[in-house]
Amino acid sequence: MGSTGMYWISVYEIVESHGLHVVLTNARDARAIPGRKTDVNDAQWIQRLHACGLLRARFHPDREIRRAT
C-alpha cells in the first residue's frame, strides 16, 4: 500500500492489532524496478527485499505513545 497522506495509518494499526510485526519503510528504499508493474509483483519484490535485510525500518511510536497523543 502506498503511504500517501494519512490513509496508511489505519491499515497499519489494524494489521498490528492482529499481532503481526509491521515494518514501516521508506518507498525510496524499494525503488520501482522496470517491468514490475502490478501490485502483486511490487508486494513480492518488497517482501524479497525485506527477507534479504535490505529495507530499513522507520520510526513509528508504540501503541501506548500513540494513544497518549
Protein backbone atom coordinates (compact mmCIF):
# COMPACT_ATOMS: atom_id res chain seq x y z
CA MET A 1 0.00 0.00 0.00
CA GLY A 2 1.36 3.37 -0.90
CA SER A 3 1.71 5.55 2.17
CA THR A 4 0.15 8.60 0.57
CA GLY A 5 -1.21 11.04 3.10
CA MET A 6 -2.68 9.56 6.28
CA TYR A 7 -4.52 6.60 4.75
CA TRP A 8 -1.86 4.03 5.69
CA ILE A 9 -2.17 4.65 9.43
CA SER A 10 -5.48 2.85 9.94
CA VAL A 11 -4.31 -0.16 7.90
CA TYR A 12 -1.04 -0.24 9.86
CA GLU A 13 -2.90 -0.19 13.19
CA ILE A 14 -5.37 -2.91 12.15
CA VAL A 15 -2.61 -5.25 10.97
CA GLU A 16 -0.59 -4.54 14.11
CA SER A 17 -3.61 -5.19 16.36
CA HIS A 18 -3.83 -8.72 14.93
CA GLY A 19 -0.41 -9.49 16.37
CA LEU A 20 1.66 -9.15 13.22
CA HIS A 21 5.03 -7.42 13.27
CA VAL A 22 4.69 -4.44 10.93
CA VAL A 23 7.74 -2.77 9.41
CA LEU A 24 7.33 0.76 8.13
CA THR A 25 9.87 1.58 5.42
CA ASN A 26 10.62 4.41 3.07
CA ALA A 27 9.44 3.83 -0.51
CA ARG A 28 12.80 5.10 -1.78
CA ASP A 29 14.45 2.01 -0.26
CA ALA A 30 12.35 -0.18 -2.59
CA ARG A 31 12.57 1.81 -5.78
CA ALA A 32 10.39 0.73 -8.66
CA ILE A 33 12.17 -1.74 -10.88
CA PRO A 34 11.35 -1.66 -14.60
CA GLY A 35 8.93 -4.44 -15.50
CA ARG A 36 7.37 -4.71 -12.05
CA LYS A 37 4.11 -3.01 -12.89
CA THR A 38 1.49 -4.92 -10.89
CA ASP A 39 0.67 -4.61 -7.19
CA VAL A 40 1.33 -8.34 -6.69
CA ASN A 41 4.79 -8.10 -8.26
CA ASP A 42 5.55 -4.98 -6.21
CA ALA A 43 4.47 -6.73 -3.00
CA GLN A 44 6.61 -9.77 -3.81
CA TRP A 45 9.59 -7.53 -4.58
CA ILE A 46 9.21 -5.64 -1.29
CA GLN A 47 8.89 -8.94 0.61
CA ARG A 48 12.08 -10.23 -1.01
CA LEU A 49 13.98 -7.05 -0.15
CA HIS A 50 12.78 -7.34 3.46
CA ALA A 51 13.71 -11.04 3.66
CA CYS A 52 17.23 -10.16 2.49
CA GLY A 53 17.51 -7.40 5.09
CA LEU A 54 17.69 -4.62 2.52
CA LEU A 55 14.88 -2.46 3.94
CA ARG A 56 15.42 -0.21 6.94
CA ALA A 57 12.63 0.15 9.47
CA ARG A 58 11.42 3.71 10.04
CA PHE A 59 10.38 5.11 13.40
CA HIS A 60 6.74 4.74 14.35
CA PRO A 61 5.76 5.30 18.01
CA ASP A 62 4.48 2.38 20.08
CA ARG A 63 0.74 1.96 20.54
CA GLU A 64 0.81 3.36 24.09
CA ILE A 65 2.53 6.53 22.95
CA ARG A 66 0.14 6.97 20.01
CA ARG A 67 -2.84 6.65 22.39
CA ALA A 68 -1.46 9.39 24.62
CA THR A 69 -1.45 11.94 21.82
